[in-house]
């Protein structure tokens, strides 16, 4: 049987998070949804996506994430992993910006 993959979109501190996970189920905690086996891109050396790195720093050691049902915007079963994201809830703009450019010499 092929491992299922879910894209989970939820609100967290006025930000919209988009994560990927292998397990989604009703939680044993009343009013929560259980998200397990979070999936992150693995890159050795150079950081390719700062958003992915930030999400891995925040959730990398999380075995199971229990999200309040009212914070979940959508759960989609997908064929393959896309780009994880953190967006401003009001504007939809990505929160993590690319690496800063070097300052101009004076």
PDB file of N, CA and C in Angstrom:
ATOM      1  N   UNK A   1       0.840  -1.192   0.000  1.00  0.00           N
ATOM      2  CA  UNK A   1       0.000   0.000   0.000  1.00  0.00           C
ATOM      3  C   UNK A   1       0.882   1.252   0.000  1.00  0.00           C
ATOM      4  N   UNK A   2       0.540   2.186  -0.837  1.00  0.00           N
ATOM      5  CA  UNK A   2       1.289   3.427  -0.954  1.00  0.00           C
ATOM      6  C   UNK A   2       1.036   4.313   0.272  1.00  0.00           C
ATOM      7  N   UNK A   3       2.111   4.951   0.775  1.00  0.00           N
ATOM      8  CA  UNK A   3       1.950   5.878   1.892  1.00  0.00           C
ATOM      9  C   UNK A   3       1.164   7.099   1.437  1.00  0.00           C
ATOM     10  N   UNK A   4       0.127   7.444   2.184  1.00  0.00           N
ATOM     11  CA  UNK A   4      -0.655   8.633   1.871  1.00  0.00           C
ATOM     12  C   UNK A   4       0.122   9.866   2.316  1.00  0.00           C
ATOM     13  N   UNK A   5      -0.124  10.971   1.631  1.00  0.00           N
ATOM     14  CA  UNK A   5       0.514  12.232   1.957  1.00  0.00           C
ATOM     15  C   UNK A   5      -0.575  13.300   2.015  1.00  0.00           C
ATOM     16  N   UNK A   6      -0.553  14.098   3.091  1.00  0.00           N
ATOM     17  CA  UNK A   6      -1.549  15.129   3.300  1.00  0.00           C
ATOM     18  C   UNK A   6      -0.899  16.501   3.377  1.00  0.00           C
ATOM     19  N   UNK A   7      -1.556  17.473   2.780  1.00  0.00           N
ATOM     20  CA  UNK A   7      -1.175  18.875   2.945  1.00  0.00           C
ATOM     21  C   UNK A   7      -2.140  19.456   3.974  1.00  0.00           C
ATOM     22  N   UNK A   8      -1.589  19.938   5.089  1.00  0.00           N
ATOM     23  CA  UNK A   8      -2.399  20.461   6.187  1.00  0.00           C
ATOM     24  C   UNK A   8      -2.193  21.971   6.251  1.00  0.00           C
ATOM     25  N   UNK A   9      -3.276  22.723   6.118  1.00  0.00           N
ATOM     26  CA  UNK A   9      -3.237  24.173   6.171  1.00  0.00           C
ATOM     27  C   UNK A   9      -3.980  24.614   7.422  1.00  0.00           C
ATOM     28  N   UNK A  10      -3.293  25.399   8.286  1.00  0.00           N
ATOM     29  CA  UNK A  10      -3.916  25.809   9.548  1.00  0.00           C
ATOM     30  C   UNK A  10      -3.431  27.188   9.983  1.00  0.00           C
ATOM     31  N   UNK A  11      -4.213  27.822  10.858  1.00  0.00           N
ATOM     32  CA  UNK A  11      -3.872  29.127  11.418  1.00  0.00           C
ATOM     33  C   UNK A  11      -3.067  28.947  12.688  1.00  0.00           C
ATOM     34  N   UNK A  12      -2.015  29.776  12.843  1.00  0.00           N
ATOM     35  CA  UNK A  12      -1.182  29.758  14.042  1.00  0.00           C
ATOM     36  C   UNK A  12      -0.634  31.166  14.264  1.00  0.00           C
ATOM     37  N   UNK A  13      -1.105  31.866  15.297  1.00  0.00           N
ATOM     38  CA  UNK A  13      -0.630  33.212  15.640  1.00  0.00           C
ATOM     39  C   UNK A  13      -0.693  34.170  14.447  1.00  0.00           C
ATOM     40  N   UNK A  14      -1.867  34.306  13.844  1.00  0.00           N
ATOM     41  CA  UNK A  14      -2.146  35.192  12.705  1.00  0.00           C
ATOM     42  C   UNK A  14      -1.319  34.865  11.460  1.00  0.00           C
ATOM     43  N   UNK A  15      -0.837  33.645  11.379  1.00  0.00           N
ATOM     44  CA  UNK A  15      -0.111  33.158  10.204  1.00  0.00           C
ATOM     45  C   UNK A  15      -0.804  31.884   9.707  1.00  0.00           C
ATOM     46  N   UNK A  16      -0.733  31.662   8.414  1.00  0.00           N
ATOM     47  CA  UNK A  16      -1.256  30.435   7.814  1.00  0.00           C
ATOM     48  C   UNK A  16      -0.078  29.529   7.523  1.00  0.00           C
ATOM     49  N   UNK A  17      -0.059  28.350   8.128  1.00  0.00           N
ATOM     50  CA  UNK A  17       1.003  27.373   7.936  1.00  0.00           C
ATOM     51  C   UNK A  17       0.521  26.301   6.965  1.00  0.00           C
ATOM     52  N   UNK A  18       1.406  25.861   6.086  1.00  0.00           N
ATOM     53  CA  UNK A  18       1.139  24.743   5.178  1.00  0.00           C
ATOM     54  C   UNK A  18       2.230  23.710   5.404  1.00  0.00           C
ATOM     55  N   UNK A  19       1.844  22.570   5.973  1.00  0.00           N
ATOM     56  CA  UNK A  19       2.770  21.475   6.268  1.00  0.00           C
ATOM     57  C   UNK A  19       2.315  20.219   5.558  1.00  0.00           C
ATOM     58  N   UNK A  20       3.225  19.273   5.424  1.00  0.00           N
ATOM     59  CA  UNK A  20       2.902  17.972   4.842  1.00  0.00           C
ATOM     60  C   UNK A  20       3.111  16.897   5.892  1.00  0.00           C
ATOM     61  N   UNK A  21       2.209  15.903   5.896  1.00  0.00           N
ATOM     62  CA  UNK A  21       2.268  14.840   6.895  1.00  0.00           C
ATOM     63  C   UNK A  21       1.767  13.534   6.300  1.00  0.00           C
ATOM     64  N   UNK A  22       2.189  12.437   6.906  1.00  0.00           N
ATOM     65  CA  UNK A  22       1.758  11.099   6.469  1.00  0.00           C
ATOM     66  C   UNK A  22       0.528  10.609   7.230  1.00  0.00           C
ATOM     67  N   UNK A  23       0.281  11.165   8.418  1.00  0.00           N
ATOM     68  CA  UNK A  23      -0.856  10.701   9.222  1.00  0.00           C
ATOM     69  C   UNK A  23      -1.735  11.871   9.645  1.00  0.00           C
ATOM     70  N   UNK A  24      -3.043  11.692   9.487  1.00  0.00           N
ATOM     71  CA  UNK A  24      -4.042  12.635   9.983  1.00  0.00           C
ATOM     72  C   UNK A  24      -5.159  11.803  10.576  1.00  0.00           C
ATOM     73  N   UNK A  25      -5.553  12.136  11.820  1.00  0.00           N
ATOM     74  CA  UNK A  25      -6.602  11.361  12.484  1.00  0.00           C
ATOM     75  C   UNK A  25      -7.273  12.212  13.552  1.00  0.00           C
ATOM     76  N   UNK A  26      -8.420  11.754  14.007  1.00  0.00           N
ATOM     77  CA  UNK A  26      -9.060  12.393  15.152  1.00  0.00           C
ATOM     78  C   UNK A  26      -8.165  12.152  16.364  1.00  0.00           C
ATOM     79  N   UNK A  27      -7.973  13.175  17.160  1.00  0.00           N
ATOM     80  CA  UNK A  27      -7.103  13.082  18.325  1.00  0.00           C
ATOM     81  C   UNK A  27      -7.858  12.497  19.512  1.00  0.00           C
ATOM     82  N   UNK A  28      -7.120  11.915  20.435  1.00  0.00           N
ATOM     83  CA  UNK A  28      -7.699  11.462  21.684  1.00  0.00           C
ATOM     84  C   UNK A  28      -8.061  12.635  22.582  1.00  0.00           C
ATOM     85  N   UNK A  29      -7.547  13.821  22.244  1.00  0.00           N
ATOM     86  CA  UNK A  29      -7.883  15.043  22.962  1.00  0.00           C
ATOM     87  C   UNK A  29      -9.122  15.648  22.312  1.00  0.00           C
ATOM     88  N   UNK A  30     -10.163  15.892  23.095  1.00  0.00           N
ATOM     89  CA  UNK A  30     -11.412  16.387  22.552  1.00  0.00           C
ATOM     90  C   UNK A  30     -11.212  17.725  21.838  1.00  0.00           C
ATOM     91  N   UNK A  31     -11.725  17.836  20.600  1.00  0.00           N
ATOM     92  CA  UNK A  31     -11.669  19.077  19.848  1.00  0.00           C
ATOM     93  C   UNK A  31     -10.387  19.290  19.052  1.00  0.00           C
ATOM     94  N   UNK A  32      -9.529  18.276  18.997  1.00  0.00           N
ATOM     95  CA  UNK A  32      -8.260  18.403  18.300  1.00  0.00           C
ATOM     96  C   UNK A  32      -8.154  17.381  17.173  1.00  0.00           C
ATOM     97  N   UNK A  33      -7.319  17.706  16.176  1.00  0.00           N
ATOM     98  CA  UNK A  33      -6.980  16.785  15.099  1.00  0.00           C
ATOM     99  C   UNK A  33      -5.504  16.446  15.242  1.00  0.00           C
ATOM    100  N   UNK A  34      -5.187  15.177  15.080  1.00  0.00           N
ATOM    101  CA  UNK A  34      -3.818  14.679  15.257  1.00  0.00           C
ATOM    102  C   UNK A  34      -3.112  14.622  13.910  1.00  0.00           C
ATOM    103  N   UNK A  35      -1.963  15.288  13.829  1.00  0.00           N
ATOM    104  CA  UNK A  35      -1.145  15.312  12.613  1.00  0.00           C
ATOM    105  C   UNK A  35       0.191  14.651  12.965  1.00  0.00           C
ATOM    106  N   UNK A  36       0.545  13.575  12.278  1.00  0.00           N
ATOM    107  CA  UNK A  36       1.771  12.849  12.596  1.00  0.00           C
ATOM    108  C   UNK A  36       2.645  12.625  11.383  1.00  0.00           C
ATOM    109  N   UNK A  37       3.886  12.234  11.653  1.00  0.00           N
ATOM    110  CA  UNK A  37       4.890  11.968  10.617  1.00  0.00           C
ATOM    111  C   UNK A  37       5.010  13.146   9.640  1.00  0.00           C
ATOM    112  N   UNK A  38       5.380  14.299  10.186  1.00  0.00           N
ATOM    113  CA  UNK A  38       5.569  15.485   9.351  1.00  0.00           C
ATOM    114  C   UNK A  38       6.685  15.235   8.341  1.00  0.00           C
ATOM    115  N   UNK A  39       6.513  15.767   7.142  1.00  0.00           N
ATOM    116  CA  UNK A  39       7.456  15.538   6.045  1.00  0.00           C
ATOM    117  C   UNK A  39       8.145  16.854   5.694  1.00  0.00           C
ATOM    118  N   UNK A  40       9.480  16.827   5.714  1.00  0.00           N
ATOM    119  CA  UNK A  40      10.280  17.998   5.345  1.00  0.00           C
ATOM    120  C   UNK A  40      11.264  17.598   4.268  1.00  0.00           C
ATOM    121  N   UNK A  41      11.622  18.570   3.399  1.00  0.00           N
ATOM    122  CA  UNK A  41      12.676  18.328   2.417  1.00  0.00           C
ATOM    123  C   UNK A  41      13.988  18.219   3.163  1.00  0.00           C
ATOM    124  N   UNK A  42      14.837  17.301   2.737  1.00  0.00           N
ATOM    125  CA  UNK A  42      16.138  17.128   3.361  1.00  0.00           C
ATOM    126  C   UNK A  42      17.202  17.543   2.358  1.00  0.00           C
ATOM    127  N   UNK A  43      17.958  18.577   2.721  1.00  0.00           N
ATOM    128  CA  UNK A  43      19.047  19.059   1.865  1.00  0.00           C
ATOM    129  C   UNK A  43      20.306  19.091   2.702  1.00  0.00           C
ATOM    130  N   UNK A  44      21.368  18.542   2.200  1.00  0.00           N
ATOM    131  CA  UNK A  44      22.650  18.608   2.888  1.00  0.00           C
ATOM    132  C   UNK A  44      23.359  19.880   2.470  1.00  0.00           C
ATOM    133  N   UNK A  45      23.945  20.545   3.445  1.00  0.00           N
ATOM    134  CA  UNK A  45      24.743  21.730   3.132  1.00  0.00           C
ATOM    135  C   UNK A  45      23.911  22.977   2.993  1.00  0.00           C
ATOM    136  N   UNK A  46      23.865  23.540   1.797  1.00  0.00           N
ATOM    137  CA  UNK A  46      23.235  24.821   1.520  1.00  0.00           C
ATOM    138  C   UNK A  46      21.736  24.769   1.802  1.00  0.00           C
ATOM    139  N   UNK A  47      21.220  25.803   2.461  1.00  0.00           N
ATOM    140  CA  UNK A  47      19.788  25.920   2.706  1.00  0.00           C
ATOM    141  C   UNK A  47      19.132  26.439   1.436  1.00  0.00           C
ATOM    142  N   UNK A  48      18.264  25.625   0.853  1.00  0.00           N
ATOM    143  CA  UNK A  48      17.628  25.994  -0.399  1.00  0.00           C
ATOM    144  C   UNK A  48      16.374  26.820  -0.151  1.00  0.00           C
ATOM    145  N   UNK A  49      15.585  26.463   0.854  1.00  0.00           N
ATOM    146  CA  UNK A  49      14.326  27.140   1.144  1.00  0.00           C
ATOM    147  C   UNK A  49      14.298  27.559   2.609  1.00  0.00           C
ATOM    148  N   UNK A  50      14.412  28.856   2.911  1.00  0.00           N
ATOM    149  CA  UNK A  50      14.430  29.295   4.306  1.00  0.00           C
ATOM    150  C   UNK A  50      13.128  28.985   5.048  1.00  0.00           C
ATOM    151  N   UNK A  51      11.987  28.956   4.342  1.00  0.00           N
ATOM    152  CA  UNK A  51      10.722  28.612   4.990  1.00  0.00           C
ATOM    153  C   UNK A  51      10.748  27.174   5.462  1.00  0.00           C
ATOM    154  N   UNK A  52      11.212  26.275   4.615  1.00  0.00           N
ATOM    155  CA  UNK A  52      11.306  24.855   4.975  1.00  0.00           C
ATOM    156  C   UNK A  52      12.224  24.682   6.189  1.00  0.00           C
ATOM    157  N   UNK A  53      13.326  25.433   6.196  1.00  0.00           N
ATOM    158  CA  UNK A  53      14.275  25.369   7.312  1.00  0.00           C
ATOM    159  C   UNK A  53      13.616  25.858   8.606  1.00  0.00           C
ATOM    160  N   UNK A  54      12.866  26.944   8.516  1.00  0.00           N
ATOM    161  CA  UNK A  54      12.184  27.469   9.700  1.00  0.00           C
ATOM    162  C   UNK A  54      11.144  26.483  10.230  1.00  0.00           C
ATOM    163  N   UNK A  55      10.383  25.874   9.336  1.00  0.00           N
ATOM    164  CA  UNK A  55       9.386  24.883   9.756  1.00  0.00           C
ATOM    165  C   UNK A  55      10.045  23.654  10.365  1.00  0.00           C
ATOM    166  N   UNK A  56      11.163  23.224   9.784  1.00  0.00           N
ATOM    167  CA  UNK A  56      11.889  22.077  10.330  1.00  0.00           C
ATOM    168  C   UNK A  56      12.440  22.413  11.711  1.00  0.00           C
ATOM    169  N   UNK A  57      12.919  23.647  11.908  1.00  0.00           N
ATOM    170  CA  UNK A  57      13.398  24.070  13.227  1.00  0.00           C
ATOM    171  C   UNK A  57      12.270  24.063  14.249  1.00  0.00           C
ATOM    172  N   UNK A  58      11.088  24.519  13.831  1.00  0.00           N
ATOM    173  CA  UNK A  58       9.958  24.613  14.753  1.00  0.00           C
ATOM    174  C   UNK A  58       9.305  23.267  15.033  1.00  0.00           C
ATOM    175  N   UNK A  59       9.166  22.417  14.007  1.00  0.00           N
ATOM    176  CA  UNK A  59       8.404  21.180  14.150  1.00  0.00           C
ATOM    177  C   UNK A  59       9.219  19.906  13.925  1.00  0.00           C
ATOM    178  N   UNK A  60      10.521  20.018  13.688  1.00  0.00           N
ATOM    179  CA  UNK A  60      11.345  18.864  13.334  1.00  0.00           C
ATOM    180  C   UNK A  60      11.368  17.758  14.372  1.00  0.00           C
ATOM    181  N   UNK A  61      11.285  18.092  15.649  1.00  0.00           N
ATOM    182  CA  UNK A  61      11.304  17.079  16.704  1.00  0.00           C
ATOM    183  C   UNK A  61       9.911  16.712  17.197  1.00  0.00           C
ATOM    184  N   UNK A  62       8.882  17.157  16.490  1.00  0.00           N
ATOM    185  CA  UNK A  62       7.499  16.897  16.884  1.00  0.00           C
ATOM    186  C   UNK A  62       7.080  15.517  16.402  1.00  0.00           C
ATOM    187  N   UNK A  63       6.695  14.661  17.340  1.00  0.00           N
ATOM    188  CA  UNK A  63       6.197  13.331  16.957  1.00  0.00           C
ATOM    189  C   UNK A  63       4.764  13.415  16.457  1.00  0.00           C
ATOM    190  N   UNK A  64       3.907  14.109  17.216  1.00  0.00           N
ATOM    191  CA  UNK A  64       2.511  14.274  16.835  1.00  0.00           C
ATOM    192  C   UNK A  64       2.102  15.707  17.158  1.00  0.00           C
ATOM    193  N   UNK A  65       1.460  16.352  16.212  1.00  0.00           N
ATOM    194  CA  UNK A  65       0.972  17.712  16.384  1.00  0.00           C
ATOM    195  C   UNK A  65      -0.536  17.623  16.603  1.00  0.00           C
ATOM    196  N   UNK A  66      -1.027  18.158  17.716  1.00  0.00           N
ATOM    197  CA  UNK A  66      -2.457  18.176  17.999  1.00  0.00           C
ATOM    198  C   UNK A  66      -2.960  19.587  17.729  1.00  0.00           C
ATOM    199  N   UNK A  67      -3.732  19.752  16.648  1.00  0.00           N
ATOM    200  CA  UNK A  67      -4.230  21.070  16.259  1.00  0.00           C
ATOM    201  C   UNK A  67      -5.692  21.213  16.656  1.00  0.00           C
ATOM    202  N   UNK A  68      -6.068  22.362  17.238  1.00  0.00           N
ATOM    203  CA  UNK A  68      -7.487  22.599  17.515  1.00  0.00           C
ATOM    204  C   UNK A  68      -8.266  22.571  16.203  1.00  0.00           C
ATOM    205  N   UNK A  69      -9.420  21.916  16.197  1.00  0.00           N
ATOM    206  CA  UNK A  69     -10.192  21.780  14.957  1.00  0.00           C
ATOM    207  C   UNK A  69     -10.513  23.123  14.315  1.00  0.00           C
ATOM    208  N   UNK A  70     -10.772  24.155  15.136  1.00  0.00           N
ATOM    209  CA  UNK A  70     -11.147  25.453  14.576  1.00  0.00           C
ATOM    210  C   UNK A  70      -9.966  26.173  13.920  1.00  0.00           C
ATOM    211  N   UNK A  71      -8.733  25.731  14.168  1.00  0.00           N
ATOM    212  CA  UNK A  71      -7.580  26.370  13.527  1.00  0.00           C
ATOM    213  C   UNK A  71      -7.281  25.778  12.150  1.00  0.00           C
ATOM    214  N   UNK A  72      -7.851  24.622  11.855  1.00  0.00           N
ATOM    215  CA  UNK A  72      -7.573  23.954  10.572  1.00  0.00           C
ATOM    216  C   UNK A  72      -8.408  24.576   9.461  1.00  0.00           C
ATOM    217  N   UNK A  73      -7.732  24.996   8.410  1.00  0.00           N
ATOM    218  CA  UNK A  73      -8.406  25.578   7.246  1.00  0.00           C
ATOM    219  C   UNK A  73      -8.767  24.470   6.262  1.00  0.00           C
ATOM    220  N   UNK A  74      -7.788  23.577   5.997  1.00  0.00           N
ATOM    221  CA  UNK A  74      -8.032  22.517   5.006  1.00  0.00           C
ATOM    222  C   UNK A  74      -7.021  21.403   5.192  1.00  0.00           C
ATOM    223  N   UNK A  75      -7.454  20.182   4.893  1.00  0.00           N
ATOM    224  CA  UNK A  75      -6.567  19.021   4.822  1.00  0.00           C
ATOM    225  C   UNK A  75      -6.808  18.372   3.469  1.00  0.00           C
ATOM    226  N   UNK A  76      -5.745  18.249   2.686  1.00  0.00           N
ATOM    227  CA  UNK A  76      -5.851  17.673   1.343  1.00  0.00           C
ATOM    228  C   UNK A  76      -4.969  16.434   1.236  1.00  0.00           C
ATOM    229  N   UNK A  77      -5.478  15.379   0.631  1.00  0.00           N
ATOM    230  CA  UNK A  77      -4.627  14.245   0.294  1.00  0.00           C
ATOM    231  C   UNK A  77      -4.016  14.553  -1.066  1.00  0.00           C
ATOM    232  N   UNK A  78      -2.682  14.543  -1.143  1.00  0.00           N
ATOM    233  CA  UNK A  78      -1.984  14.946  -2.362  1.00  0.00           C
ATOM    234  C   UNK A  78      -1.112  13.813  -2.890  1.00  0.00           C
ATOM    235  N   UNK A  79      -0.741  13.916  -4.150  1.00  0.00           N
ATOM    236  CA  UNK A  79       0.109  12.915  -4.794  1.00  0.00           C
ATOM    237  C   UNK A  79       1.575  13.060  -4.396  1.00  0.00           C
ATOM    238  N   UNK A  80       2.048  14.330  -4.332  1.00  0.00           N
ATOM    239  CA  UNK A  80       3.452  14.571  -3.992  1.00  0.00           C
ATOM    240  C   UNK A  80       3.566  15.861  -3.185  1.00  0.00           C
ATOM    241  N   UNK A  81       4.684  15.979  -2.502  1.00  0.00           N
ATOM    242  CA  UNK A  81       4.924  17.128  -1.639  1.00  0.00           C
ATOM    243  C   UNK A  81       5.220  18.361  -2.477  1.00  0.00           C
ATOM    244  N   UNK A  82       4.597  19.455  -2.111  1.00  0.00           N
ATOM    245  CA  UNK A  82       4.891  20.754  -2.714  1.00  0.00           C
ATOM    246  C   UNK A  82       5.738  21.551  -1.742  1.00  0.00           C
ATOM    247  N   UNK A  83       5.748  22.843  -1.923  1.00  0.00           N
ATOM    248  CA  UNK A  83       6.542  23.718  -1.074  1.00  0.00           C
ATOM    249  C   UNK A  83       5.746  24.060   0.181  1.00  0.00           C
ATOM    250  N   UNK A  84       6.342  23.831   1.350  1.00  0.00           N
ATOM    251  CA  UNK A  84       5.730  24.245   2.602  1.00  0.00           C
ATOM    252  C   UNK A  84       5.778  25.765   2.668  1.00  0.00           C
ATOM    253  N   UNK A  85       4.863  26.361   3.456  1.00  0.00           N
ATOM    254  CA  UNK A  85       4.817  27.817   3.488  1.00  0.00           C
ATOM    255  C   UNK A  85       4.323  28.330   4.825  1.00  0.00           C
ATOM    256  N   UNK A  86       4.691  29.568   5.119  1.00  0.00           N
ATOM    257  CA  UNK A  86       4.119  30.334   6.213  1.00  0.00           C
ATOM    258  C   UNK A  86       3.693  31.653   5.587  1.00  0.00           C
ATOM    259  N   UNK A  87       2.408  31.984   5.706  1.00  0.00           N
ATOM    260  CA  UNK A  87       1.878  33.192   5.082  1.00  0.00           C
ATOM    261  C   UNK A  87       1.183  34.068   6.124  1.00  0.00           C
ATOM    262  N   UNK A  88       1.149  35.347   5.855  1.00  0.00           N
ATOM    263  CA  UNK A  88       0.378  36.257   6.683  1.00  0.00           C
ATOM    264  C   UNK A  88      -1.099  35.970   6.416  1.00  0.00           C
ATOM    265  N   UNK A  89      -1.890  35.802   7.469  1.00  0.00           N
ATOM    266  CA  UNK A  89      -3.294  35.427   7.301  1.00  0.00           C
ATOM    267  C   UNK A  89      -4.097  36.519   6.592  1.00  0.00           C
ATOM    268  N   UNK A  90      -3.772  37.779   6.821  1.00  0.00           N
ATOM    269  CA  UNK A  90      -4.535  38.876   6.230  1.00  0.00           C
ATOM    270  C   UNK A  90      -4.207  39.095   4.758  1.00  0.00           C
ATOM    271  N   UNK A  91      -2.929  39.059   4.402  1.00  0.00           N
ATOM    272  CA  UNK A  91      -2.528  39.404   3.035  1.00  0.00           C
ATOM    273  C   UNK A  91      -2.231  38.197   2.148  1.00  0.00           C
ATOM    274  N   UNK A  92      -1.891  37.058   2.759  1.00  0.00           N
ATOM    275  CA  UNK A  92      -1.506  35.882   1.981  1.00  0.00           C
ATOM    276  C   UNK A  92      -0.056  35.906   1.548  1.00  0.00           C
ATOM    277  N   UNK A  93       0.664  36.974   1.899  1.00  0.00           N
ATOM    278  CA  UNK A  93       2.079  37.090   1.531  1.00  0.00           C
ATOM    279  C   UNK A  93       2.925  36.143   2.367  1.00  0.00           C
ATOM    280  N   UNK A  94       3.966  35.576   1.756  1.00  0.00           N
ATOM    281  CA  UNK A  94       4.885  34.717   2.497  1.00  0.00           C
ATOM    282  C   UNK A  94       5.582  35.521   3.583  1.00  0.00           C
ATOM    283  N   UNK A  95       5.735  34.903   4.764  1.00  0.00           N
ATOM    284  CA  UNK A  95       6.325  35.598   5.903  1.00  0.00           C
ATOM    285  C   UNK A  95       7.835  35.547   5.845  1.00  0.00           C
ATOM    286  N   UNK A  96       8.400  34.412   5.504  1.00  0.00           N
ATOM    287  CA  UNK A  96       9.849  34.271   5.459  1.00  0.00           C
ATOM    288  C   UNK A  96      10.333  34.833   4.135  1.00  0.00           C
ATOM    289  N   UNK A  97      11.247  35.788   4.216  1.00  0.00           N
ATOM    290  CA  UNK A  97      11.775  36.419   3.016  1.00  0.00           C
ATOM    291  C   UNK A  97      13.089  35.760   2.614  1.00  0.00           C
ATOM    292  N   UNK A  98      13.494  35.915   1.363  1.00  0.00           N
ATOM    293  CA  UNK A  98      14.773  35.342   0.929  1.00  0.00           C
ATOM    294  C   UNK A  98      15.932  35.960   1.700  1.00  0.00           C
ATOM    295  N   UNK A  99      17.095  35.345   1.580  1.00  0.00           N
ATOM    296  CA  UNK A  99      18.280  35.857   2.246  1.00  0.00           C
ATOM    297  C   UNK A  99      18.544  37.292   1.811  1.00  0.00           C
ATOM    298  N   UNK A 100      18.979  38.158   2.737  1.00  0.00           N
ATOM    299  CA  UNK A 100      19.237  39.557   2.365  1.00  0.00           C
ATOM    300  C   UNK A 100      20.411  39.667   1.390  1.00  0.00           C
ATOM    301  N   UNK A 101      20.318  40.654   0.537  1.00  0.00           N
ATOM    302  CA  UNK A 101      21.410  40.915  -0.404  1.00  0.00           C
ATOM    303  C   UNK A 101      22.515  41.673   0.314  1.00  0.00           C
ATOM    304  N   UNK A 102      23.749  41.514  -0.111  1.00  0.00           N
ATOM    305  CA  UNK A 102      24.842  42.255   0.527  1.00  0.00           C
ATOM    306  C   UNK A 102      24.647  43.759   0.345  1.00  0.00           C
ATOM    307  N   UNK A 103      25.082  44.523   1.327  1.00  0.00           N
ATOM    308  CA  UNK A 103      24.959  45.980   1.266  1.00  0.00           C
ATOM    309  C   UNK A 103      25.909  46.527   0.194  1.00  0.00           C
ATOM    310  N   UNK A 104      25.515  47.632  -0.389  1.00  0.00           N
ATOM    311  CA  UNK A 104      26.356  48.285  -1.387  1.00  0.00           C
ATOM    312  C   UNK A 104      27.559  48.907  -0.699  1.00  0.00           C
ATOM    313  N   UNK A 105      28.739  48.773  -1.274  1.00  0.00           N
ATOM    314  CA  UNK A 105      29.912  49.423  -0.675  1.00  0.00           C
ATOM    315  C   UNK A 105      29.779  50.937  -0.756  1.00  0.00           C
ATOM    316  N   UNK A 106      30.329  51.611   0.227  1.00  0.00           N
ATOM    317  CA  UNK A 106      30.229  53.087   0.254  1.00  0.00           C
ATOM    318  C   UNK A 106      31.365  53.727  -0.488  1.00  0.00           C
TER     319      UNK A 106
END
